[in-house]
């Protein structure tokens, strides 16, 4: 994953990157941070957009993805703060905030490389399984399993995890020119299998990646366990 980022920035120093959060990208960010600290990775002309943010908490909240990104990446690389875009979870007008974010992505020329993780239930960003999916950046309700998976950022208490979030929609994600999906651990094996071999369904939001012309899957053996059979 780190090689993909360095390749893109080497080819175009002004590339636009879409970034995920959660537990899965932490090793990636540790490596990118090390490269940034060493001065071997140049973010000075890049632009980033994060996938999502919890609704109702400020950027200084330790559980916010603003705090996460500062801790794991932004404080280690030379990305100008004006080029690091994150959704404002503390907004009083979520719909307006979502529209603002969509406009900023468009103004930046779209996303060149979108990095993604995947939830055990097949969600991407905070696009949760359901009868329908939202195309654009939107307000999302989080399922109990998703809140439990994020409890690590809230002192281990899933009840402290906000019930809502703001998230890029599947249409926004699929507009990226290139996508790399990362999955690790046996808990992701079923979701990966359904993403690759399953039918296109809103019950597995990641299955919509089948519609994209340039998607790469990077996973460990445990997450890939279901890919050999249909």
C-alpha atoms as a PDB file:
ATOM      1  CA  UNK A   1       0.000   0.000   0.000  1.00  0.00           C
ATOM      2  CA  UNK A   2       2.824   2.378   0.856  1.00  0.00           C
ATOM      3  CA  UNK A   3       4.437   1.616  -2.485  1.00  0.00           C
ATOM      4  CA  UNK A   4       1.201   2.516  -4.262  1.00  0.00           C
ATOM      5  CA  UNK A   5       1.145   5.897  -2.529  1.00  0.00           C
ATOM      6  CA  UNK A   6       4.796   6.617  -3.284  1.00  0.00           C
ATOM      7  CA  UNK A   7       4.344   5.550  -6.915  1.00  0.00           C
ATOM      8  CA  UNK A   8       1.413   7.890  -7.384  1.00  0.00           C
ATOM      9  CA  UNK A   9       3.176  10.846  -5.763  1.00  0.00           C
ATOM     10  CA  UNK A  10       6.346  10.162  -7.752  1.00  0.00           C
ATOM     11  CA  UNK A  11       4.337  10.234 -10.988  1.00  0.00           C
ATOM     12  CA  UNK A  12       2.323  13.314  -9.972  1.00  0.00           C
ATOM     13  CA  UNK A  13       3.418  15.338  -6.953  1.00  0.00           C
ATOM     14  CA  UNK A  14       0.041  17.111  -6.970  1.00  0.00           C
ATOM     15  CA  UNK A  15      -2.020  13.916  -6.858  1.00  0.00           C
ATOM     16  CA  UNK A  16      -5.283  13.808  -4.903  1.00  0.00           C
ATOM     17  CA  UNK A  17      -5.496  10.944  -2.402  1.00  0.00           C
ATOM     18  CA  UNK A  18      -8.561   9.537  -0.672  1.00  0.00           C
ATOM     19  CA  UNK A  19      -7.678   8.212   2.778  1.00  0.00           C
ATOM     20  CA  UNK A  20      -9.374   5.727   5.123  1.00  0.00           C
ATOM     21  CA  UNK A  21      -9.262   5.413   8.902  1.00  0.00           C
ATOM     22  CA  UNK A  22      -9.810   2.606  11.390  1.00  0.00           C
ATOM     23  CA  UNK A  23      -7.477  -0.131  12.592  1.00  0.00           C
ATOM     24  CA  UNK A  24      -6.528  -1.659   9.244  1.00  0.00           C
ATOM     25  CA  UNK A  25      -4.601   1.369   7.835  1.00  0.00           C
ATOM     26  CA  UNK A  26      -2.557   1.934  11.002  1.00  0.00           C
ATOM     27  CA  UNK A  27       0.504  -0.051   9.821  1.00  0.00           C
ATOM     28  CA  UNK A  28       0.315   1.760   6.472  1.00  0.00           C
ATOM     29  CA  UNK A  29       0.309   5.143   8.170  1.00  0.00           C
ATOM     30  CA  UNK A  30       3.183   4.127  10.442  1.00  0.00           C
ATOM     31  CA  UNK A  31       5.271   3.365   7.368  1.00  0.00           C
ATOM     32  CA  UNK A  32       4.225   6.525   5.524  1.00  0.00           C
ATOM     33  CA  UNK A  33       4.953   8.548   8.670  1.00  0.00           C
ATOM     34  CA  UNK A  34       8.416   7.010   8.890  1.00  0.00           C
ATOM     35  CA  UNK A  35       9.084   7.837   5.250  1.00  0.00           C
ATOM     36  CA  UNK A  36       7.844  11.364   5.911  1.00  0.00           C
ATOM     37  CA  UNK A  37      10.056  11.770   8.967  1.00  0.00           C
ATOM     38  CA  UNK A  38      13.009  10.545   6.906  1.00  0.00           C
ATOM     39  CA  UNK A  39      12.223  13.049   4.160  1.00  0.00           C
ATOM     40  CA  UNK A  40      11.870  10.349   1.512  1.00  0.00           C
ATOM     41  CA  UNK A  41       8.163  10.914   0.860  1.00  0.00           C
ATOM     42  CA  UNK A  42       7.007  14.315  -0.362  1.00  0.00           C
ATOM     43  CA  UNK A  43       3.408  15.370   0.310  1.00  0.00           C
ATOM     44  CA  UNK A  44       4.078  19.095  -0.193  1.00  0.00           C
ATOM     45  CA  UNK A  45       1.961  19.404  -3.346  1.00  0.00           C
ATOM     46  CA  UNK A  46      -0.520  16.596  -2.665  1.00  0.00           C
ATOM     47  CA  UNK A  47      -4.148  16.929  -1.589  1.00  0.00           C
ATOM     48  CA  UNK A  48      -6.031  14.476   0.627  1.00  0.00           C
ATOM     49  CA  UNK A  49      -9.684  13.787   1.386  1.00  0.00           C
ATOM     50  CA  UNK A  50     -10.721  11.513   4.213  1.00  0.00           C
ATOM     51  CA  UNK A  51     -13.569   9.084   3.711  1.00  0.00           C
ATOM     52  CA  UNK A  52     -15.599   9.859   6.799  1.00  0.00           C
ATOM     53  CA  UNK A  53     -15.959  11.348  10.262  1.00  0.00           C
ATOM     54  CA  UNK A  54     -18.144  10.770  13.304  1.00  0.00           C
ATOM     55  CA  UNK A  55     -21.039  13.172  13.701  1.00  0.00           C
ATOM     56  CA  UNK A  56     -21.359  15.266  16.837  1.00  0.00           C
ATOM     57  CA  UNK A  57     -17.744  15.401  18.039  1.00  0.00           C
ATOM     58  CA  UNK A  58     -15.091  18.058  17.504  1.00  0.00           C
ATOM     59  CA  UNK A  59     -11.658  17.772  15.921  1.00  0.00           C
ATOM     60  CA  UNK A  60      -9.933  17.676  19.321  1.00  0.00           C
ATOM     61  CA  UNK A  61     -11.966  14.723  20.552  1.00  0.00           C
ATOM     62  CA  UNK A  62      -9.560  11.762  20.884  1.00  0.00           C
ATOM     63  CA  UNK A  63     -12.037   9.542  19.058  1.00  0.00           C
ATOM     64  CA  UNK A  64     -12.412  11.849  16.059  1.00  0.00           C
ATOM     65  CA  UNK A  65     -10.811  11.002  12.770  1.00  0.00           C
ATOM     66  CA  UNK A  66      -9.280  14.481  12.796  1.00  0.00           C
ATOM     67  CA  UNK A  67      -7.310  13.428  15.876  1.00  0.00           C
ATOM     68  CA  UNK A  68      -6.591  10.013  14.338  1.00  0.00           C
ATOM     69  CA  UNK A  69      -5.130  11.519  11.167  1.00  0.00           C
ATOM     70  CA  UNK A  70      -3.027  14.018  13.086  1.00  0.00           C
ATOM     71  CA  UNK A  71      -1.617  11.282  15.296  1.00  0.00           C
ATOM     72  CA  UNK A  72      -0.981   8.660  12.646  1.00  0.00           C
ATOM     73  CA  UNK A  73      -0.029  10.655   9.539  1.00  0.00           C
ATOM     74  CA  UNK A  74      -0.503  14.400   9.198  1.00  0.00           C
ATOM     75  CA  UNK A  75       1.917  15.423  11.952  1.00  0.00           C
ATOM     76  CA  UNK A  76       4.657  13.340  10.292  1.00  0.00           C
ATOM     77  CA  UNK A  77       4.473  14.426   6.652  1.00  0.00           C
ATOM     78  CA  UNK A  78       4.887  17.757   4.901  1.00  0.00           C
ATOM     79  CA  UNK A  79       1.299  18.001   3.696  1.00  0.00           C
ATOM     80  CA  UNK A  80       0.085  21.616   4.025  1.00  0.00           C
ATOM     81  CA  UNK A  81      -2.873  21.797   6.406  1.00  0.00           C
ATOM     82  CA  UNK A  82      -4.933  23.605   3.747  1.00  0.00           C
ATOM     83  CA  UNK A  83      -4.603  20.532   1.519  1.00  0.00           C
ATOM     84  CA  UNK A  84      -5.749  18.010   4.129  1.00  0.00           C
ATOM     85  CA  UNK A  85      -9.536  17.811   3.871  1.00  0.00           C
ATOM     86  CA  UNK A  86     -11.692  16.143   6.510  1.00  0.00           C
ATOM     87  CA  UNK A  87     -15.406  16.270   7.124  1.00  0.00           C
ATOM     88  CA  UNK A  88     -16.481  18.533   9.986  1.00  0.00           C
ATOM     89  CA  UNK A  89     -18.316  16.215  12.317  1.00  0.00           C
ATOM     90  CA  UNK A  90     -19.184  19.059  14.676  1.00  0.00           C
ATOM     91  CA  UNK A  91     -21.275  20.854  12.040  1.00  0.00           C
ATOM     92  CA  UNK A  92     -24.757  22.081  12.922  1.00  0.00           C
ATOM     93  CA  UNK A  93     -25.877  21.540   9.314  1.00  0.00           C
ATOM     94  CA  UNK A  94     -24.788  18.056   8.155  1.00  0.00           C
ATOM     95  CA  UNK A  95     -26.427  18.318   4.738  1.00  0.00           C
ATOM     96  CA  UNK A  96     -24.664  21.578   3.968  1.00  0.00           C
ATOM     97  CA  UNK A  97     -21.369  20.115   5.180  1.00  0.00           C
ATOM     98  CA  UNK A  98     -21.781  17.135   2.875  1.00  0.00           C
ATOM     99  CA  UNK A  99     -22.475  19.421  -0.086  1.00  0.00           C
ATOM    100  CA  UNK A 100     -19.402  21.506   0.787  1.00  0.00           C
ATOM    101  CA  UNK A 101     -17.232  18.401   0.834  1.00  0.00           C
ATOM    102  CA  UNK A 102     -18.503  17.183  -2.522  1.00  0.00           C
ATOM    103  CA  UNK A 103     -17.776  20.615  -4.012  1.00  0.00           C
ATOM    104  CA  UNK A 104     -14.222  20.581  -2.633  1.00  0.00           C
ATOM    105  CA  UNK A 105     -13.552  17.179  -4.182  1.00  0.00           C
ATOM    106  CA  UNK A 106     -14.828  18.451  -7.523  1.00  0.00           C
ATOM    107  CA  UNK A 107     -12.768  21.642  -7.230  1.00  0.00           C
ATOM    108  CA  UNK A 108      -9.663  19.509  -6.602  1.00  0.00           C
ATOM    109  CA  UNK A 109     -10.272  17.674  -9.877  1.00  0.00           C
ATOM    110  CA  UNK A 110     -11.481  14.442  -8.314  1.00  0.00           C
ATOM    111  CA  UNK A 111      -9.577  11.718  -6.480  1.00  0.00           C
ATOM    112  CA  UNK A 112      -6.641  10.062  -8.245  1.00  0.00           C
ATOM    113  CA  UNK A 113      -6.021   7.241  -5.765  1.00  0.00           C
ATOM    114  CA  UNK A 114      -8.641   6.141  -3.275  1.00  0.00           C
ATOM    115  CA  UNK A 115      -7.420   3.892  -0.458  1.00  0.00           C
ATOM    116  CA  UNK A 116     -10.082   1.797   1.252  1.00  0.00           C
ATOM    117  CA  UNK A 117     -10.555  -0.584   4.117  1.00  0.00           C
ATOM    118  CA  UNK A 118     -13.535  -2.890   4.474  1.00  0.00           C
ATOM    119  CA  UNK A 119     -15.779  -3.715   7.394  1.00  0.00           C
ATOM    120  CA  UNK A 120     -16.660  -7.252   8.395  1.00  0.00           C
ATOM    121  CA  UNK A 121     -20.185  -6.580   7.110  1.00  0.00           C
ATOM    122  CA  UNK A 122     -18.879  -5.305   3.762  1.00  0.00           C
ATOM    123  CA  UNK A 123     -19.167  -1.613   4.481  1.00  0.00           C
ATOM    124  CA  UNK A 124     -16.791   0.929   2.947  1.00  0.00           C
ATOM    125  CA  UNK A 125     -16.348   4.246   4.672  1.00  0.00           C
ATOM    126  CA  UNK A 126     -19.598   4.456   6.600  1.00  0.00           C
ATOM    127  CA  UNK A 127     -21.701   3.131   3.725  1.00  0.00           C
ATOM    128  CA  UNK A 128     -23.504   0.453   5.702  1.00  0.00           C
ATOM    129  CA  UNK A 129     -25.435  -2.537   4.292  1.00  0.00           C
ATOM    130  CA  UNK A 130     -29.104  -1.784   3.697  1.00  0.00           C
ATOM    131  CA  UNK A 131     -31.909  -1.632   1.150  1.00  0.00           C
ATOM    132  CA  UNK A 132     -30.216   1.249  -0.665  1.00  0.00           C
ATOM    133  CA  UNK A 133     -26.961   3.204  -0.806  1.00  0.00           C
ATOM    134  CA  UNK A 134     -26.347   6.927  -1.031  1.00  0.00           C
ATOM    135  CA  UNK A 135     -24.332   8.064  -4.029  1.00  0.00           C
ATOM    136  CA  UNK A 136     -22.804  11.225  -2.596  1.00  0.00           C
ATOM    137  CA  UNK A 137     -21.369  12.373   0.733  1.00  0.00           C
ATOM    138  CA  UNK A 138     -24.122  11.971   3.291  1.00  0.00           C
ATOM    139  CA  UNK A 139     -25.230  11.513   6.878  1.00  0.00           C
ATOM    140  CA  UNK A 140     -25.109   7.834   7.877  1.00  0.00           C
ATOM    141  CA  UNK A 141     -26.478   5.759  10.753  1.00  0.00           C
ATOM    142  CA  UNK A 142     -23.946   3.289  12.135  1.00  0.00           C
ATOM    143  CA  UNK A 143     -24.779  -0.326  12.822  1.00  0.00           C
ATOM    144  CA  UNK A 144     -23.950  -1.842  16.228  1.00  0.00           C
ATOM    145  CA  UNK A 145     -21.163  -3.974  14.738  1.00  0.00           C
ATOM    146  CA  UNK A 146     -19.543  -0.915  13.200  1.00  0.00           C
ATOM    147  CA  UNK A 147     -19.731   0.918  16.508  1.00  0.00           C
ATOM    148  CA  UNK A 148     -18.162  -2.054  18.285  1.00  0.00           C
ATOM    149  CA  UNK A 149     -15.357  -2.132  15.711  1.00  0.00           C
ATOM    150  CA  UNK A 150     -14.635   1.540  16.437  1.00  0.00           C
ATOM    151  CA  UNK A 151     -14.780   1.230  20.230  1.00  0.00           C
ATOM    152  CA  UNK A 152     -10.971   1.110  20.253  1.00  0.00           C
ATOM    153  CA  UNK A 153     -11.017   4.866  19.600  1.00  0.00           C
ATOM    154  CA  UNK A 154     -13.452   5.509  22.470  1.00  0.00           C
ATOM    155  CA  UNK A 155     -11.767   3.799  25.370  1.00  0.00           C
ATOM    156  CA  UNK A 156     -13.146   0.398  24.411  1.00  0.00           C
ATOM    157  CA  UNK A 157     -16.734   1.529  25.042  1.00  0.00           C
ATOM    158  CA  UNK A 158     -18.953   0.935  22.008  1.00  0.00           C
ATOM    159  CA  UNK A 159     -21.749   2.911  23.677  1.00  0.00           C
ATOM    160  CA  UNK A 160     -19.508   5.988  23.517  1.00  0.00           C
ATOM    161  CA  UNK A 161     -19.140   5.690  19.740  1.00  0.00           C
ATOM    162  CA  UNK A 162     -21.487   8.151  17.986  1.00  0.00           C
ATOM    163  CA  UNK A 163     -24.519   6.589  16.346  1.00  0.00           C
ATOM    164  CA  UNK A 164     -24.134   8.719  13.226  1.00  0.00           C
ATOM    165  CA  UNK A 165     -21.360   9.818  10.918  1.00  0.00           C
ATOM    166  CA  UNK A 166     -20.676  11.692   7.692  1.00  0.00           C
ATOM    167  CA  UNK A 167     -19.318   9.625   4.839  1.00  0.00           C
ATOM    168  CA  UNK A 168     -18.429   9.778   1.174  1.00  0.00           C
ATOM    169  CA  UNK A 169     -21.061   7.894  -0.799  1.00  0.00           C
ATOM    170  CA  UNK A 170     -20.437   4.951  -3.095  1.00  0.00           C
ATOM    171  CA  UNK A 171     -20.831   7.153  -6.171  1.00  0.00           C
ATOM    172  CA  UNK A 172     -18.167   9.528  -4.901  1.00  0.00           C
ATOM    173  CA  UNK A 173     -15.835   6.621  -4.156  1.00  0.00           C
ATOM    174  CA  UNK A 174     -16.400   5.027  -7.563  1.00  0.00           C
ATOM    175  CA  UNK A 175     -15.514   8.286  -9.314  1.00  0.00           C
ATOM    176  CA  UNK A 176     -11.899   7.905  -8.123  1.00  0.00           C
ATOM    177  CA  UNK A 177      -9.559   7.113 -10.992  1.00  0.00           C
ATOM    178  CA  UNK A 178      -7.881   4.260  -9.136  1.00  0.00           C
ATOM    179  CA  UNK A 179      -8.893   2.310  -6.028  1.00  0.00           C
ATOM    180  CA  UNK A 180      -6.868   0.086  -3.703  1.00  0.00           C
ATOM    181  CA  UNK A 181      -8.792  -1.972  -1.135  1.00  0.00           C
ATOM    182  CA  UNK A 182      -6.913  -3.327   1.877  1.00  0.00           C
ATOM    183  CA  UNK A 183      -8.134  -6.148   4.129  1.00  0.00           C
ATOM    184  CA  UNK A 184      -6.435  -8.056   6.939  1.00  0.00           C
ATOM    185  CA  UNK A 185      -7.537 -10.778   9.334  1.00  0.00           C
ATOM    186  CA  UNK A 186      -9.943 -13.697   9.189  1.00  0.00           C
ATOM    187  CA  UNK A 187     -12.854 -11.510  10.321  1.00  0.00           C
ATOM    188  CA  UNK A 188     -12.745  -9.851   6.885  1.00  0.00           C
ATOM    189  CA  UNK A 189     -12.607 -13.084   4.833  1.00  0.00           C
ATOM    190  CA  UNK A 190     -16.367 -13.373   4.285  1.00  0.00           C
ATOM    191  CA  UNK A 191     -16.686  -9.720   3.263  1.00  0.00           C
ATOM    192  CA  UNK A 192     -13.755 -10.020   0.843  1.00  0.00           C
ATOM    193  CA  UNK A 193     -15.203 -13.197  -0.666  1.00  0.00           C
ATOM    194  CA  UNK A 194     -18.600 -11.567  -1.197  1.00  0.00           C
ATOM    195  CA  UNK A 195     -16.975  -8.439  -2.600  1.00  0.00           C
ATOM    196  CA  UNK A 196     -15.025 -10.359  -5.238  1.00  0.00           C
ATOM    197  CA  UNK A 197     -17.236 -13.357  -6.020  1.00  0.00           C
ATOM    198  CA  UNK A 198     -20.667 -12.286  -4.820  1.00  0.00           C
ATOM    199  CA  UNK A 199     -23.484 -10.535  -6.621  1.00  0.00           C
ATOM    200  CA  UNK A 200     -23.805  -6.787  -6.800  1.00  0.00           C
ATOM    201  CA  UNK A 201     -25.934  -5.865  -3.794  1.00  0.00           C
ATOM    202  CA  UNK A 202     -26.527  -2.975  -1.426  1.00  0.00           C
ATOM    203  CA  UNK A 203     -26.294  -5.576   1.341  1.00  0.00           C
ATOM    204  CA  UNK A 204     -22.551  -5.695   0.603  1.00  0.00           C
ATOM    205  CA  UNK A 205     -21.599  -2.111  -0.299  1.00  0.00           C
ATOM    206  CA  UNK A 206     -18.061  -3.164  -1.255  1.00  0.00           C
ATOM    207  CA  UNK A 207     -19.520  -5.339  -4.041  1.00  0.00           C
ATOM    208  CA  UNK A 208     -20.059  -2.138  -6.032  1.00  0.00           C
ATOM    209  CA  UNK A 209     -16.306  -2.002  -6.536  1.00  0.00           C
ATOM    210  CA  UNK A 210     -16.942  -4.626  -9.234  1.00  0.00           C
ATOM    211  CA  UNK A 211     -18.207  -1.729 -11.368  1.00  0.00           C
ATOM    212  CA  UNK A 212     -14.885   0.115 -11.285  1.00  0.00           C
ATOM    213  CA  UNK A 213     -12.323  -0.292 -14.046  1.00  0.00           C
ATOM    214  CA  UNK A 214      -9.196  -0.094 -11.853  1.00  0.00           C
ATOM    215  CA  UNK A 215      -9.434  -1.748  -8.435  1.00  0.00           C
ATOM    216  CA  UNK A 216      -6.599  -3.555  -6.684  1.00  0.00           C
ATOM    217  CA  UNK A 217      -7.131  -5.784  -3.646  1.00  0.00           C
ATOM    218  CA  UNK A 218      -4.283  -6.137  -1.159  1.00  0.00           C
ATOM    219  CA  UNK A 219      -4.906  -8.572   1.691  1.00  0.00           C
ATOM    220  CA  UNK A 220      -3.190 -11.087   3.930  1.00  0.00           C
ATOM    221  CA  UNK A 221      -3.738 -14.846   3.735  1.00  0.00           C
ATOM    222  CA  UNK A 222      -6.423 -14.804   6.424  1.00  0.00           C
ATOM    223  CA  UNK A 223      -8.550 -12.185   4.660  1.00  0.00           C
ATOM    224  CA  UNK A 224      -8.048 -13.962   1.311  1.00  0.00           C
ATOM    225  CA  UNK A 225      -9.177 -17.357   2.642  1.00  0.00           C
ATOM    226  CA  UNK A 226     -12.460 -17.336   0.714  1.00  0.00           C
ATOM    227  CA  UNK A 227     -11.122 -16.231  -2.653  1.00  0.00           C
ATOM    228  CA  UNK A 228     -10.218 -19.698  -3.899  1.00  0.00           C
ATOM    229  CA  UNK A 229     -13.825 -20.932  -3.945  1.00  0.00           C
ATOM    230  CA  UNK A 230     -17.107 -19.441  -5.072  1.00  0.00           C
END
